[in-house]
Amino acid sequence: MNNNQEEIIKDMQAVIHQMKIDDIEENPDSEFEMFTCSACAKEAPLAGSIQYSVHRLCNDCVLMYELALKLGKVKNIDEFMEKTEDNRLENICDFIKKDSLKEKN
């Protein structure tokens, strides 16, 4: 990774983190309002999330998506969703396994 890419990543991390802080300042409840991220399938706070088309991404996935766009790794949200499918399916399977274990206990 070259210095320019590292700088882009650092700058983007700061912007995305600040976005979450701003959301919490504007609506403190958003830190505790949860949703399931379309990209990673994890429960995440509404604070710092963004709706892209029909997909709502958590703050971490917003960072990954925006970096992927900026670095030319994806062209749009649909391409990002395709590239994150394996991770999403893995997280869904983990959730099902944990839920199944809870029911057995």
Protein backbone atom coordinates (compact mmCIF):
# COMPACT_ATOMS: atom_id res chain seq x y z
CA MET A 1 0.00 0.00 0.00
CA ASN A 2 1.41 3.39 -0.93
CA ASN A 3 1.44 6.52 1.23
CA ASN A 4 -1.42 8.08 -0.72
CA GLN A 5 -3.68 5.09 0.00
CA GLU A 6 -2.71 5.13 3.68
CA GLU A 7 -3.60 8.81 3.86
CA ILE A 8 -6.94 8.19 2.14
CA ILE A 9 -7.70 5.44 4.68
CA LYS A 10 -6.77 7.61 7.68
CA ASP A 11 -8.82 10.54 6.39
CA MET A 12 -11.82 8.34 5.63
CA GLN A 13 -11.64 6.68 9.07
CA ALA A 14 -11.76 10.11 10.73
CA VAL A 15 -14.71 11.26 8.60
CA ILE A 16 -16.76 8.09 9.16
CA HIS A 17 -16.02 8.09 12.91
CA GLN A 18 -17.05 11.76 13.15
CA MET A 19 -20.27 10.93 11.32
CA LYS A 20 -21.18 8.47 14.10
CA ILE A 21 -20.35 11.03 16.79
CA ASP A 22 -22.48 13.65 15.01
CA ASP A 23 -25.42 11.23 14.79
CA ILE A 24 -25.19 10.51 18.53
CA GLU A 25 -25.00 14.23 19.36
CA GLU A 26 -28.02 14.91 17.15
CA ASN A 27 -30.02 11.93 18.46
CA PRO A 28 -28.53 10.22 21.54
CA ASP A 29 -30.97 7.30 21.17
CA SER A 30 -29.38 6.39 17.82
CA GLU A 31 -26.47 4.86 19.74
CA PHE A 32 -28.86 2.27 21.19
CA GLU A 33 -31.32 1.83 18.30
CA MET A 34 -30.18 -1.33 16.55
CA PHE A 35 -30.62 -2.70 13.03
CA THR A 36 -29.16 -5.56 11.00
CA CYS A 37 -26.49 -4.33 8.59
CA SER A 38 -27.18 -5.31 4.99
CA ALA A 39 -23.48 -5.90 4.31
CA CYS A 40 -22.18 -7.79 7.36
CA ALA A 41 -25.51 -9.05 8.77
CA LYS A 42 -24.52 -7.99 12.29
CA GLU A 43 -26.66 -6.02 14.73
CA ALA A 44 -25.33 -2.49 14.83
CA PRO A 45 -26.31 0.93 16.18
CA LEU A 46 -28.20 3.24 13.87
CA ALA A 47 -25.67 5.97 14.71
CA GLY A 48 -23.17 6.31 11.89
CA SER A 49 -25.10 4.07 9.52
CA ILE A 50 -26.06 5.11 6.00
CA GLN A 51 -28.83 3.99 3.69
CA TYR A 52 -27.53 3.26 0.18
CA SER A 53 -30.42 2.41 -2.13
CA VAL A 54 -32.17 -0.52 -0.38
CA HIS A 55 -29.13 -1.35 1.78
CA ARG A 56 -28.45 0.12 5.23
CA LEU A 57 -24.80 -0.26 6.23
CA CYS A 58 -23.35 -0.06 9.73
CA ASN A 59 -20.60 2.45 10.46
CA ASP A 60 -17.84 -0.15 9.91
CA CYS A 61 -19.29 -1.25 6.57
CA VAL A 62 -19.83 2.38 5.52
CA LEU A 63 -16.08 2.81 6.00
CA MET A 64 -15.28 -0.31 3.99
CA TYR A 65 -17.69 0.67 1.21
CA GLU A 66 -16.51 4.26 0.96
CA LEU A 67 -12.86 3.13 0.94
CA ALA A 68 -13.61 0.51 -1.71
CA LEU A 69 -15.25 3.21 -3.85
CA LYS A 70 -12.42 5.71 -3.32
CA LEU A 71 -9.73 3.11 -4.08
CA GLY A 72 -11.57 1.83 -7.16
CA LYS A 73 -12.26 -1.65 -5.76
CA VAL A 74 -16.02 -1.38 -6.43
CA LYS A 75 -18.16 0.81 -8.67
CA ASN A 76 -21.42 0.83 -6.69
CA ILE A 77 -23.28 -0.55 -3.69
CA ASP A 78 -24.49 -3.63 -5.56
CA GLU A 79 -20.94 -4.63 -6.42
CA PHE A 80 -19.91 -4.09 -2.78
CA MET A 81 -22.80 -6.28 -1.63
CA GLU A 82 -21.65 -9.04 -3.98
CA LYS A 83 -18.09 -8.82 -2.66
CA THR A 84 -19.24 -9.00 0.98
CA GLU A 85 -21.61 -11.93 0.47
CA ASP A 86 -19.29 -14.59 1.96
CA ASN A 87 -18.72 -12.55 5.12
CA ARG A 88 -22.45 -11.87 5.44
CA LEU A 89 -23.35 -15.56 5.06
CA GLU A 90 -20.71 -16.54 7.61
CA ASN A 91 -22.14 -14.07 10.14
CA ILE A 92 -25.68 -15.32 9.52
CA CYS A 93 -24.55 -18.92 10.07
CA ASP A 94 -22.77 -17.92 13.30
CA PHE A 95 -25.93 -16.23 14.51
CA ILE A 96 -28.02 -19.32 13.73
CA LYS A 97 -25.53 -21.57 15.54
CA LYS A 98 -25.51 -19.34 18.63
CA ASP A 99 -29.29 -19.06 18.61
CA SER A 100 -29.61 -22.82 18.31
CA LEU A 101 -27.25 -23.33 21.29
CA LYS A 102 -29.30 -20.89 23.37
CA GLU A 103 -32.48 -22.89 22.65
CA LYS A 104 -30.80 -26.15 23.72
CA ASN A 105 -29.71 -24.70 27.08
